[in-house]
């Protein structure tokens, strides 16, 4: 039995999904890292660390994702004020 054709294995979302995909991935990673560090700092390497951290991560992500959806366009504009745009083919 052969696997899926190459074109089906590499299906990607359209570029228009970047508006949601970037904040989604960024919020998952950043809220996970920050909540983990904060939880370890608060309770140490306790037996219930995983459960406590996952609870903190869930709350953090619920705040981080919508915040990024709102704030990221502003951040891009602010960065555009201080960073030269990429020059494409002349």
Protein backbone atom coordinates (compact mmCIF):
# COMPACT_ATOMS: atom_id res chain seq x y z
CA UNK A 1 0.00 0.00 0.00
CA UNK A 2 1.42 3.35 -1.00
CA UNK A 3 1.25 6.50 1.08
CA UNK A 4 -0.61 9.66 0.17
CA UNK A 5 0.56 11.53 -2.91
CA UNK A 6 3.10 14.28 -2.18
CA UNK A 7 0.67 17.08 -2.95
CA UNK A 8 -1.82 15.82 -0.31
CA UNK A 9 0.86 15.44 2.34
CA UNK A 10 1.88 19.09 1.98
CA UNK A 11 -1.51 20.75 2.06
CA UNK A 12 -1.20 24.20 3.55
CA UNK A 13 -3.65 26.85 4.60
CA UNK A 14 -4.00 29.86 2.29
CA UNK A 15 -1.79 32.87 3.08
CA UNK A 16 -4.83 34.80 4.32
CA UNK A 17 -4.86 32.52 7.40
CA UNK A 18 -1.59 34.13 8.62
CA UNK A 19 -3.70 36.74 10.39
CA UNK A 20 -4.94 34.03 12.79
CA UNK A 21 -2.23 31.35 12.51
CA UNK A 22 0.67 33.56 13.64
CA UNK A 23 -1.05 34.85 16.81
CA UNK A 24 -2.34 31.33 17.55
CA UNK A 25 1.09 29.70 17.44
CA UNK A 26 2.79 32.65 19.14
CA UNK A 27 0.24 32.74 21.96
CA UNK A 28 0.52 28.98 22.55
CA UNK A 29 4.31 29.08 22.75
CA UNK A 30 4.73 32.28 24.72
CA UNK A 31 1.94 31.66 27.24
CA UNK A 32 3.22 28.11 27.74
CA UNK A 33 6.80 29.21 28.38
CA UNK A 34 5.92 32.16 30.61
CA UNK A 35 3.32 30.25 32.64
CA UNK A 36 5.74 27.34 33.11
CA UNK A 37 8.48 29.62 34.43
CA UNK A 38 6.02 31.46 36.65
CA UNK A 39 4.54 28.22 38.01
CA UNK A 40 7.96 26.74 38.78
CA UNK A 41 8.97 29.99 40.49
CA UNK A 42 5.78 29.96 42.57
CA UNK A 43 5.53 26.31 43.66
CA UNK A 44 8.92 24.88 42.74
CA UNK A 45 9.30 21.40 41.29
CA UNK A 46 6.32 20.08 43.25
CA UNK A 47 4.49 16.82 42.57
CA UNK A 48 1.47 18.66 41.17
CA UNK A 49 3.57 20.92 38.90
CA UNK A 50 2.16 19.57 35.62
CA UNK A 51 -1.50 20.01 36.59
CA UNK A 52 -0.91 23.43 38.12
CA UNK A 53 1.09 24.57 35.09
CA UNK A 54 -1.52 23.34 32.60
CA UNK A 55 -4.23 25.23 34.49
CA UNK A 56 -2.12 28.39 34.48
CA UNK A 57 -1.31 27.87 30.80
CA UNK A 58 -4.99 27.60 29.89
CA UNK A 59 -5.85 30.85 31.62
CA UNK A 60 -2.79 32.57 30.15
CA UNK A 61 -3.61 31.40 26.64
CA UNK A 62 -7.24 32.55 26.93
CA UNK A 63 -5.88 36.04 27.56
CA UNK A 64 -2.86 35.91 25.22
CA UNK A 65 -4.59 34.81 22.01
CA UNK A 66 -7.28 37.52 21.78
CA UNK A 67 -4.75 40.09 22.99
CA UNK A 68 -2.39 39.18 20.14
CA UNK A 69 -5.22 39.32 17.61
CA UNK A 70 -5.87 42.91 18.69
CA UNK A 71 -2.32 44.10 19.36
CA UNK A 72 -0.30 42.46 16.56
CA UNK A 73 -1.49 44.82 13.78
CA UNK A 74 -0.46 47.80 15.93
CA UNK A 75 2.92 46.19 16.65
CA UNK A 76 3.49 45.64 12.92
CA UNK A 77 2.76 49.33 12.23
CA UNK A 78 5.08 50.48 15.02
CA UNK A 79 7.87 48.21 13.79
CA UNK A 80 7.28 49.53 10.27
CA UNK A 81 8.09 53.01 11.57
CA UNK A 82 11.57 51.99 12.71
CA UNK A 83 12.52 49.21 10.26
CA UNK A 84 13.22 49.68 6.55
CA UNK A 85 10.89 47.67 4.31
CA UNK A 86 12.32 44.74 2.36
CA UNK A 87 13.32 45.76 -1.17
CA UNK A 88 12.11 43.22 -3.72
CA UNK A 89 13.48 42.74 -7.25
CA UNK A 90 14.46 45.91 -9.06
